[in-house]
Amino acid sequence: MHKIANILAKLPKRLHERAKSHLHEIMRAETREVALQEWQRFEREYADKYPKAWACLDKDQADMLTLFDYPAAHWVHLRTSNAIESAFATVKARTKQTKGAGSRNAGLAMAFKLLEQAQKRWRKVNSAHLVRLVQAGVRFPDGKTRILPHPAADSAETIQPTENAILNPIHNI
């Protein structure tokens, strides 16, 4: 949302609806390849006439397409900043109510307690079982979570995932 708003601010109002639609196509792409095609479409349409809008989008391409290295089930969480914003909104609302936190230590203690209470209502990450693999550095090309060969593959051997394969995954599969 923030990136889209920054780009739209550099375009004339009459183009906002169309540009926003193009940006959503990039954001909701099924694969990195489709996202890059949409990226190029946006470039063809806006780069020459609106270089500031194009530069705003293009400078963060690597960061914005990083989500394709994570499980597709996690993409919904990666596309939003709600988890961060909602946590700090709780703290901000309380500090406004109390007209400041007093001392630094009192502010830290209040923020800690508020966040501790707020986390009880947080929703779990989709496919939470994949978080350990993400932390271990496993890449999921285009969000695919099948990282081991399927047992019905062409070879006569059946490959069974082992505990060691899960605890010590091979990077960049």
N, C-alpha and C. Protein backbone atom coordinates (compact mmCIF):
# COMPACT_ATOMS: atom_id res chain seq x y z
N MET A 1 0.82 -1.19 0.00
CA MET A 1 0.00 0.00 0.00
C MET A 1 0.87 1.26 0.00
N HIS A 2 1.90 1.28 0.82
CA HIS A 2 2.75 2.47 0.92
C HIS A 2 3.52 2.71 -0.38
N LYS A 3 4.02 1.65 -0.97
CA LYS A 3 4.76 1.79 -2.22
C LYS A 3 3.83 2.29 -3.33
N ILE A 4 2.66 1.72 -3.40
CA ILE A 4 1.68 2.14 -4.41
C ILE A 4 1.33 3.61 -4.22
N ALA A 5 1.11 4.03 -2.99
CA ALA A 5 0.78 5.44 -2.70
C ALA A 5 1.93 6.35 -3.12
N ASN A 6 3.17 5.94 -2.87
CA ASN A 6 4.33 6.75 -3.26
C ASN A 6 4.43 6.90 -4.77
N ILE A 7 4.15 5.84 -5.49
CA ILE A 7 4.21 5.89 -6.96
C ILE A 7 3.08 6.74 -7.51
N LEU A 8 1.88 6.54 -6.98
CA LEU A 8 0.72 7.31 -7.46
C LEU A 8 0.89 8.80 -7.20
N ALA A 9 1.59 9.16 -6.14
CA ALA A 9 1.82 10.58 -5.83
C ALA A 9 2.65 11.26 -6.92
N LYS A 10 3.36 10.46 -7.72
CA LYS A 10 4.21 11.01 -8.78
C LYS A 10 3.54 10.95 -10.15
N LEU A 11 2.26 10.56 -10.17
CA LEU A 11 1.49 10.49 -11.41
C LEU A 11 0.31 11.44 -11.35
N PRO A 12 -0.19 11.89 -12.52
CA PRO A 12 -1.39 12.73 -12.52
C PRO A 12 -2.60 11.92 -12.01
N LYS A 13 -3.52 12.61 -11.37
CA LYS A 13 -4.70 11.94 -10.79
C LYS A 13 -5.48 11.13 -11.81
N ARG A 14 -5.54 11.61 -13.05
CA ARG A 14 -6.32 10.91 -14.07
C ARG A 14 -5.78 9.51 -14.36
N LEU A 15 -4.52 9.25 -14.03
CA LEU A 15 -3.91 7.94 -14.28
C LEU A 15 -3.90 7.02 -13.06
N HIS A 16 -4.33 7.52 -11.94
CA HIS A 16 -4.22 6.74 -10.70
C HIS A 16 -4.92 5.38 -10.78
N GLU A 17 -6.13 5.36 -11.25
CA GLU A 17 -6.88 4.10 -11.25
C GLU A 17 -6.19 3.06 -12.14
N ARG A 18 -5.78 3.49 -13.32
CA ARG A 18 -5.12 2.57 -14.26
C ARG A 18 -3.76 2.11 -13.73
N ALA A 19 -2.96 3.04 -13.23
CA ALA A 19 -1.64 2.70 -12.71
C ALA A 19 -1.76 1.78 -11.50
N LYS A 20 -2.73 2.06 -10.66
CA LYS A 20 -2.94 1.22 -9.47
C LYS A 20 -3.28 -0.20 -9.89
N SER A 21 -4.08 -0.32 -10.93
CA SER A 21 -4.43 -1.64 -11.45
C SER A 21 -3.19 -2.37 -11.96
N HIS A 22 -2.32 -1.66 -12.67
CA HIS A 22 -1.07 -2.27 -13.16
C HIS A 22 -0.18 -2.70 -12.00
N LEU A 23 -0.09 -1.86 -10.98
CA LEU A 23 0.75 -2.18 -9.81
C LEU A 23 0.20 -3.40 -9.07
N HIS A 24 -1.12 -3.51 -9.00
CA HIS A 24 -1.72 -4.68 -8.36
C HIS A 24 -1.43 -5.95 -9.16
N GLU A 25 -1.35 -5.83 -10.48
CA GLU A 25 -1.00 -6.99 -11.31
C GLU A 25 0.41 -7.48 -10.96
N ILE A 26 1.31 -6.55 -10.74
CA ILE A 26 2.68 -6.92 -10.34
C ILE A 26 2.64 -7.58 -8.97
N MET A 27 1.95 -6.94 -8.05
CA MET A 27 1.91 -7.39 -6.67
C MET A 27 1.25 -8.76 -6.52
N ARG A 28 0.25 -9.05 -7.32
CA ARG A 28 -0.50 -10.30 -7.18
C ARG A 28 -0.10 -11.37 -8.19
N ALA A 29 1.02 -11.19 -8.85
CA ALA A 29 1.47 -12.15 -9.85
C ALA A 29 1.69 -13.52 -9.21
N GLU A 30 1.45 -14.55 -10.01
CA GLU A 30 1.60 -15.93 -9.53
C GLU A 30 3.06 -16.39 -9.50
N THR A 31 3.88 -15.81 -10.38
CA THR A 31 5.29 -16.20 -10.45
C THR A 31 6.14 -14.96 -10.66
N ARG A 32 7.44 -15.11 -10.43
CA ARG A 32 8.38 -14.00 -10.65
C ARG A 32 8.35 -13.60 -12.13
N GLU A 33 8.27 -14.57 -13.02
CA GLU A 33 8.26 -14.28 -14.46
C GLU A 33 7.06 -13.41 -14.84
N VAL A 34 5.89 -13.75 -14.33
CA VAL A 34 4.69 -12.95 -14.61
C VAL A 34 4.85 -11.55 -14.01
N ALA A 35 5.41 -11.47 -12.82
CA ALA A 35 5.63 -10.16 -12.18
C ALA A 35 6.57 -9.31 -13.03
N LEU A 36 7.63 -9.92 -13.55
CA LEU A 36 8.57 -9.19 -14.40
C LEU A 36 7.93 -8.73 -15.71
N GLN A 37 7.04 -9.55 -16.25
CA GLN A 37 6.32 -9.14 -17.47
C GLN A 37 5.44 -7.92 -17.17
N GLU A 38 4.76 -7.94 -16.04
CA GLU A 38 3.91 -6.81 -15.65
C GLU A 38 4.77 -5.58 -15.36
N TRP A 39 5.94 -5.83 -14.77
CA TRP A 39 6.89 -4.75 -14.47
C TRP A 39 7.29 -4.05 -15.77
N GLN A 40 7.61 -4.84 -16.79
CA GLN A 40 8.00 -4.29 -18.08
C GLN A 40 6.83 -3.56 -18.75
N ARG A 41 5.64 -4.08 -18.57
CA ARG A 41 4.45 -3.40 -19.11
C ARG A 41 4.29 -2.02 -18.47
N PHE A 42 4.48 -1.96 -17.15
CA PHE A 42 4.40 -0.68 -16.44
C PHE A 42 5.48 0.27 -16.97
N GLU A 43 6.68 -0.27 -17.18
CA GLU A 43 7.78 0.55 -17.69
C GLU A 43 7.44 1.13 -19.07
N ARG A 44 6.95 0.27 -19.97
CA ARG A 44 6.59 0.73 -21.31
C ARG A 44 5.55 1.85 -21.28
N GLU A 45 4.62 1.72 -20.35
CA GLU A 45 3.52 2.68 -20.31
C GLU A 45 3.85 3.99 -19.60
N TYR A 46 4.70 3.94 -18.57
CA TYR A 46 4.89 5.12 -17.73
C TYR A 46 6.31 5.69 -17.68
N ALA A 47 7.32 4.91 -17.97
CA ALA A 47 8.70 5.34 -17.75
C ALA A 47 9.08 6.61 -18.52
N ASP A 48 8.71 6.69 -19.78
CA ASP A 48 9.10 7.86 -20.58
C ASP A 48 8.41 9.14 -20.14
N LYS A 49 7.11 9.07 -19.91
CA LYS A 49 6.35 10.27 -19.57
C LYS A 49 6.45 10.65 -18.09
N TYR A 50 6.63 9.64 -17.23
CA TYR A 50 6.63 9.88 -15.78
C TYR A 50 7.85 9.21 -15.14
N PRO A 51 9.04 9.74 -15.42
CA PRO A 51 10.27 9.09 -14.94
C PRO A 51 10.37 9.01 -13.42
N LYS A 52 9.80 9.96 -12.69
CA LYS A 52 9.87 9.91 -11.22
C LYS A 52 9.06 8.74 -10.67
N ALA A 53 7.88 8.51 -11.25
CA ALA A 53 7.05 7.39 -10.82
C ALA A 53 7.76 6.07 -11.14
N TRP A 54 8.34 6.00 -12.34
CA TRP A 54 9.05 4.79 -12.73
C TRP A 54 10.26 4.55 -11.83
N ALA A 55 11.02 5.59 -11.55
CA ALA A 55 12.21 5.45 -10.69
C ALA A 55 11.81 4.99 -9.29
N CYS A 56 10.69 5.48 -8.79
CA CYS A 56 10.19 5.09 -7.46
C CYS A 56 9.92 3.59 -7.41
N LEU A 57 9.36 3.06 -8.49
CA LEU A 57 9.08 1.63 -8.53
C LEU A 57 10.35 0.83 -8.80
N ASP A 58 11.11 1.24 -9.80
CA ASP A 58 12.23 0.45 -10.27
C ASP A 58 13.37 0.32 -9.26
N LYS A 59 13.58 1.33 -8.43
CA LYS A 59 14.71 1.28 -7.49
C LYS A 59 14.58 0.16 -6.46
N ASP A 60 13.36 -0.33 -6.24
CA ASP A 60 13.14 -1.37 -5.22
C ASP A 60 12.76 -2.72 -5.82
N GLN A 61 13.07 -2.94 -7.10
CA GLN A 61 12.65 -4.17 -7.75
C GLN A 61 13.12 -5.42 -7.01
N ALA A 62 14.39 -5.48 -6.68
CA ALA A 62 14.93 -6.68 -6.02
C ALA A 62 14.20 -6.95 -4.70
N ASP A 63 13.98 -5.90 -3.92
CA ASP A 63 13.29 -6.08 -2.64
C ASP A 63 11.84 -6.50 -2.83
N MET A 64 11.19 -5.90 -3.81
CA MET A 64 9.77 -6.17 -4.01
C MET A 64 9.51 -7.56 -4.57
N LEU A 65 10.45 -8.11 -5.30
CA LEU A 65 10.26 -9.44 -5.88
C LEU A 65 10.85 -10.55 -5.01
N THR A 66 11.40 -10.19 -3.87
CA THR A 66 11.97 -11.18 -2.95
C THR A 66 10.91 -12.16 -2.46
N LEU A 67 9.67 -11.74 -2.39
CA LEU A 67 8.63 -12.62 -1.86
C LEU A 67 8.52 -13.91 -2.64
N PHE A 68 8.96 -13.93 -3.90
CA PHE A 68 8.88 -15.14 -4.71
C PHE A 68 9.88 -16.20 -4.25
N ASP A 69 10.77 -15.87 -3.32
CA ASP A 69 11.71 -16.83 -2.75
C ASP A 69 11.15 -17.51 -1.50
N TYR A 70 9.96 -17.13 -1.10
CA TYR A 70 9.33 -17.66 0.11
C TYR A 70 8.12 -18.50 -0.26
N PRO A 71 7.64 -19.34 0.66
CA PRO A 71 6.46 -20.16 0.36
C PRO A 71 5.27 -19.28 -0.01
N ALA A 72 4.52 -19.70 -1.00
CA ALA A 72 3.35 -18.94 -1.46
C ALA A 72 2.36 -18.69 -0.33
N ALA A 73 2.27 -19.61 0.61
CA ALA A 73 1.36 -19.44 1.74
C ALA A 73 1.74 -18.25 2.60
N HIS A 74 3.00 -17.83 2.56
CA HIS A 74 3.48 -16.70 3.37
C HIS A 74 3.31 -15.36 2.65
N TRP A 75 3.01 -15.39 1.35
CA TRP A 75 2.97 -14.17 0.57
C TRP A 75 1.96 -13.17 1.11
N VAL A 76 0.83 -13.65 1.60
CA VAL A 76 -0.18 -12.73 2.13
C VAL A 76 0.38 -11.90 3.29
N HIS A 77 1.26 -12.50 4.07
CA HIS A 77 1.87 -11.79 5.20
C HIS A 77 2.97 -10.84 4.73
N LEU A 78 3.68 -11.22 3.69
CA LEU A 78 4.79 -10.42 3.20
C LEU A 78 4.33 -9.20 2.41
N ARG A 79 3.12 -9.26 1.88
CA ARG A 79 2.61 -8.16 1.06
C ARG A 79 2.00 -7.04 1.89
N THR A 80 2.00 -7.16 3.17
CA THR A 80 1.36 -6.16 4.02
C THR A 80 2.26 -5.75 5.17
N SER A 81 2.03 -4.57 5.68
CA SER A 81 2.75 -4.13 6.87
C SER A 81 1.80 -4.07 8.07
N ASN A 82 0.63 -4.68 7.95
CA ASN A 82 -0.37 -4.63 9.01
C ASN A 82 0.14 -5.17 10.34
N ALA A 83 0.93 -6.22 10.31
CA ALA A 83 1.43 -6.81 11.56
C ALA A 83 2.25 -5.79 12.35
N ILE A 84 3.05 -5.02 11.65
CA ILE A 84 3.88 -4.00 12.31
C ILE A 84 3.02 -2.82 12.72
N GLU A 85 2.19 -2.35 11.80
CA GLU A 85 1.38 -1.16 12.07
C GLU A 85 0.37 -1.38 13.19
N SER A 86 -0.28 -2.55 13.22
CA SER A 86 -1.28 -2.77 14.25
C SER A 86 -0.65 -2.87 15.64
N ALA A 87 0.53 -3.47 15.70
CA ALA A 87 1.21 -3.58 17.00
C ALA A 87 1.54 -2.20 17.55
N PHE A 88 2.08 -1.36 16.69
CA PHE A 88 2.47 -0.03 17.16
C PHE A 88 1.28 0.90 17.33
N ALA A 89 0.18 0.62 16.64
CA ALA A 89 -1.03 1.43 16.83
C ALA A 89 -1.56 1.27 18.25
N THR A 90 -1.45 0.06 18.80
CA THR A 90 -1.88 -0.18 20.18
C THR A 90 -1.07 0.67 21.15
N VAL A 91 0.23 0.66 20.97
CA VAL A 91 1.12 1.43 21.84
C VAL A 91 0.87 2.93 21.66
N LYS A 92 0.75 3.37 20.42
CA LYS A 92 0.53 4.78 20.13
C LYS A 92 -0.78 5.28 20.74
N ALA A 93 -1.84 4.48 20.61
CA ALA A 93 -3.13 4.88 21.17
C ALA A 93 -3.05 5.03 22.69
N ARG A 94 -2.35 4.12 23.33
CA ARG A 94 -2.23 4.17 24.80
C ARG A 94 -1.39 5.37 25.23
N THR A 95 -0.32 5.67 24.53
CA THR A 95 0.52 6.81 24.92
C THR A 95 -0.23 8.11 24.71
N LYS A 96 -1.08 8.16 23.71
CA LYS A 96 -1.90 9.36 23.51
C LYS A 96 -2.88 9.51 24.68
N GLN A 97 -3.49 8.40 25.06
CA GLN A 97 -4.48 8.39 26.14
C GLN A 97 -3.87 8.87 27.46
N THR A 98 -2.64 8.42 27.74
CA THR A 98 -2.00 8.78 29.00
C THR A 98 -1.20 10.08 28.90
N LYS A 99 -1.26 10.71 27.73
CA LYS A 99 -0.55 11.97 27.47
C LYS A 99 0.95 11.84 27.72
N GLY A 100 1.50 10.80 27.11
CA GLY A 100 2.93 10.56 27.26
C GLY A 100 3.17 9.40 28.21
N ALA A 101 4.35 8.87 28.17
CA ALA A 101 4.65 7.70 28.98
C ALA A 101 5.38 8.05 30.27
N GLY A 102 5.72 9.29 30.46
CA GLY A 102 6.49 9.65 31.64
C GLY A 102 7.96 9.48 31.35
N SER A 103 8.61 8.66 32.13
CA SER A 103 10.04 8.43 31.94
C SER A 103 10.29 7.43 30.80
N ARG A 104 11.53 7.34 30.38
CA ARG A 104 11.90 6.39 29.34
C ARG A 104 11.62 4.96 29.79
N ASN A 105 11.98 4.65 31.03
CA ASN A 105 11.76 3.29 31.55
C ASN A 105 10.28 2.97 31.64
N ALA A 106 9.47 3.95 32.07
CA ALA A 106 8.03 3.72 32.15
C ALA A 106 7.45 3.49 30.75
N GLY A 107 7.94 4.23 29.76
CA GLY A 107 7.49 4.07 28.38
C GLY A 107 7.83 2.70 27.83
N LEU A 108 9.05 2.25 28.09
CA LEU A 108 9.47 0.93 27.63
C LEU A 108 8.65 -0.17 28.30
N ALA A 109 8.43 -0.03 29.60
CA ALA A 109 7.65 -1.03 30.33
C ALA A 109 6.22 -1.07 29.80
N MET A 110 5.63 0.11 29.55
CA MET A 110 4.26 0.17 29.05
C MET A 110 4.18 -0.45 27.65
N ALA A 111 5.13 -0.11 26.78
CA ALA A 111 5.13 -0.67 25.43
C ALA A 111 5.29 -2.18 25.48
N PHE A 112 6.18 -2.67 26.33
CA PHE A 112 6.39 -4.11 26.46
C PHE A 112 5.10 -4.81 26.88
N LYS A 113 4.44 -4.29 27.92
CA LYS A 113 3.22 -4.92 28.43
C LYS A 113 2.10 -4.87 27.40
N LEU A 114 1.98 -3.74 26.69
CA LEU A 114 0.94 -3.63 25.66
C LEU A 114 1.17 -4.61 24.52
N LEU A 115 2.42 -4.73 24.08
CA LEU A 115 2.74 -5.67 23.01
C LEU A 115 2.58 -7.12 23.47
N GLU A 116 2.91 -7.38 24.72
CA GLU A 116 2.75 -8.72 25.27
C GLU A 116 1.27 -9.12 25.27
N GLN A 117 0.39 -8.19 25.61
CA GLN A 117 -1.05 -8.46 25.58
C GLN A 117 -1.57 -8.58 24.15
N ALA A 118 -1.07 -7.71 23.27
CA ALA A 118 -1.53 -7.70 21.88
C ALA A 118 -1.17 -9.00 21.17
N GLN A 119 -0.02 -9.59 21.49
CA GLN A 119 0.41 -10.80 20.79
C GLN A 119 -0.52 -11.97 21.04
N LYS A 120 -1.30 -11.93 22.08
CA LYS A 120 -2.26 -13.00 22.35
C LYS A 120 -3.35 -13.05 21.29
N ARG A 121 -3.58 -11.93 20.61
CA ARG A 121 -4.64 -11.85 19.60
C ARG A 121 -4.09 -11.95 18.18
N TRP A 122 -2.79 -12.07 18.03
CA TRP A 122 -2.20 -12.14 16.69
C TRP A 122 -2.51 -13.47 16.03
N ARG A 123 -2.69 -13.41 14.76
CA ARG A 123 -2.98 -14.59 13.96
C ARG A 123 -1.67 -15.26 13.57
N LYS A 124 -1.67 -16.57 13.56
CA LYS A 124 -0.46 -17.32 13.19
C LYS A 124 -0.16 -17.15 11.71
N VAL A 125 1.08 -17.33 11.37
CA VAL A 125 1.52 -17.30 9.98
C VAL A 125 0.93 -18.52 9.27
N ASN A 126 0.45 -18.33 8.05
CA ASN A 126 0.00 -19.47 7.25
C ASN A 126 1.17 -20.43 7.07
N SER A 127 0.87 -21.71 7.09
CA SER A 127 1.88 -22.76 6.92
C SER A 127 3.07 -22.53 7.86
N ALA A 128 2.77 -22.39 9.13
CA ALA A 128 3.79 -22.10 10.14
C ALA A 128 4.90 -23.16 10.16
N HIS A 129 4.60 -24.39 9.74
CA HIS A 129 5.62 -25.44 9.72
C HIS A 129 6.76 -25.14 8.75
N LEU A 130 6.55 -24.22 7.81
CA LEU A 130 7.60 -23.88 6.85
C LEU A 130 8.55 -22.80 7.37
N VAL A 131 8.20 -22.18 8.48
CA VAL A 131 9.02 -21.08 9.01
C VAL A 131 10.44 -21.56 9.33
N ARG A 132 10.58 -22.77 9.88
CA ARG A 132 11.93 -23.29 10.19
C ARG A 132 12.77 -23.43 8.93
N LEU A 133 12.14 -23.83 7.84
CA LEU A 133 12.89 -23.96 6.58
C LEU A 133 13.30 -22.58 6.06
N VAL A 134 12.40 -21.61 6.18
CA VAL A 134 12.72 -20.24 5.76
C VAL A 134 13.88 -19.71 6.58
N GLN A 135 13.83 -19.93 7.90
CA GLN A 135 14.91 -19.49 8.78
C GLN A 135 16.23 -20.17 8.44
N ALA A 136 16.15 -21.41 7.95
CA ALA A 136 17.36 -22.15 7.59
C ALA A 136 17.93 -21.70 6.25
N GLY A 137 17.20 -20.82 5.55
CA GLY A 137 17.71 -20.28 4.29
C GLY A 137 17.24 -21.00 3.05
N VAL A 138 16.28 -21.89 3.17
CA VAL A 138 15.76 -22.59 2.00
C VAL A 138 15.00 -21.59 1.13
N ARG A 139 15.25 -21.66 -0.17
CA ARG A 139 14.52 -20.83 -1.14
C ARG A 139 13.38 -21.65 -1.71
N PHE A 140 12.27 -21.01 -1.97
CA PHE A 140 11.10 -21.65 -2.54
C PHE A 140 10.81 -20.97 -3.88
N PRO A 141 11.42 -21.44 -4.97
CA PRO A 141 11.24 -20.77 -6.26
C PRO A 141 9.76 -20.61 -6.61
N ASP A 142 9.36 -19.36 -6.80
CA ASP A 142 7.97 -19.01 -7.11
C ASP A 142 6.98 -19.57 -6.08
N GLY A 143 7.43 -19.69 -4.84
CA GLY A 143 6.55 -20.08 -3.75
C GLY A 143 6.27 -21.56 -3.63
N LYS A 144 6.89 -22.35 -4.49
CA LYS A 144 6.62 -23.80 -4.46
C LYS A 144 7.21 -24.42 -3.21
N THR A 145 6.39 -25.20 -2.52
CA THR A 145 6.84 -25.80 -1.27
C THR A 145 7.26 -27.25 -1.44
N ARG A 146 7.16 -27.80 -2.62
CA ARG A 146 7.65 -29.16 -2.87
C ARG A 146 9.14 -29.07 -3.12
N ILE A 147 9.93 -29.25 -2.08
CA ILE A 147 11.37 -29.09 -2.22
C ILE A 147 12.11 -30.41 -2.36
N LEU A 148 11.41 -31.52 -2.16
CA LEU A 148 12.02 -32.84 -2.34
C LEU A 148 11.35 -33.52 -3.53
N PRO A 149 12.06 -34.38 -4.24
CA PRO A 149 11.45 -35.07 -5.39
C PRO A 149 10.23 -35.86 -4.96
N HIS A 150 9.26 -35.93 -5.82
CA HIS A 150 8.03 -36.68 -5.54
C HIS A 150 8.34 -38.18 -5.61
N PRO A 151 7.79 -38.99 -4.69
CA PRO A 151 8.08 -40.43 -4.69
C PRO A 151 7.72 -41.12 -6.01
N ALA A 152 6.77 -40.61 -6.75
CA ALA A 152 6.35 -41.24 -8.00
C ALA A 152 7.15 -40.71 -9.19
N ALA A 153 8.34 -40.17 -8.91
CA ALA A 153 9.19 -39.64 -9.98
C ALA A 153 9.62 -40.77 -10.91
N ASP A 154 10.25 -40.43 -12.02
CA ASP A 154 10.63 -41.41 -13.03
C ASP A 154 11.55 -42.52 -12.52
N SER A 155 12.38 -42.21 -11.56
CA SER A 155 13.33 -43.23 -11.10
C SER A 155 12.63 -44.32 -10.31
N ALA A 156 13.26 -45.49 -10.27
CA ALA A 156 12.68 -46.61 -9.54
C ALA A 156 12.81 -46.43 -8.04
N GLU A 157 13.77 -45.60 -7.62
CA GLU A 157 13.97 -45.35 -6.19
C GLU A 157 12.87 -44.45 -5.64
N THR A 158 12.49 -44.72 -4.41
CA THR A 158 11.56 -43.84 -3.73
C THR A 158 12.35 -43.04 -2.72
N ILE A 159 12.25 -41.73 -2.82
CA ILE A 159 13.00 -40.86 -1.90
C ILE A 159 12.03 -40.40 -0.82
N GLN A 160 12.34 -40.75 0.42
CA GLN A 160 11.51 -40.37 1.54
C GLN A 160 12.20 -39.23 2.29
N PRO A 161 11.46 -38.16 2.62
CA PRO A 161 12.08 -37.10 3.41
C PRO A 161 12.46 -37.63 4.79
N THR A 162 13.61 -37.24 5.26
CA THR A 162 14.06 -37.67 6.58
C THR A 162 14.07 -36.47 7.51
N GLU A 163 14.19 -36.74 8.78
CA GLU A 163 14.28 -35.66 9.76
C GLU A 163 15.49 -34.80 9.46
N ASN A 164 16.59 -35.43 9.03
CA ASN A 164 17.80 -34.69 8.71
C ASN A 164 17.57 -33.72 7.54
N ALA A 165 16.76 -34.12 6.55
CA ALA A 165 16.47 -33.25 5.40
C ALA A 165 15.69 -32.02 5.85
N ILE A 166 14.87 -32.17 6.86
CA ILE A 166 14.08 -31.04 7.34
C ILE A 166 14.94 -30.15 8.24
N LEU A 167 15.77 -30.75 9.08
CA LEU A 167 16.57 -29.96 10.01
C LEU A 167 17.79 -29.33 9.34
N ASN A 168 18.32 -29.96 8.30
CA ASN A 168 19.50 -29.46 7.60
C ASN A 168 19.20 -29.37 6.11
N PRO A 169 18.31 -28.46 5.69
CA PRO A 169 17.92 -28.42 4.29
C PRO A 169 19.04 -27.93 3.37
N ILE A 170 18.97 -28.35 2.16
CA ILE A 170 19.91 -27.89 1.14
C ILE A 170 19.45 -26.52 0.70
N HIS A 171 20.36 -25.56 0.64
CA HIS A 171 20.00 -24.19 0.28
C HIS A 171 19.81 -24.05 -1.21
N ASN A 172 18.95 -23.10 -1.58
CA ASN A 172 18.72 -22.71 -2.98
C ASN A 172 18.32 -23.89 -3.87
N ILE A 173 17.39 -24.68 -3.43
CA ILE A 173 16.91 -25.80 -4.24
C ILE A 173 16.07 -25.26 -5.37
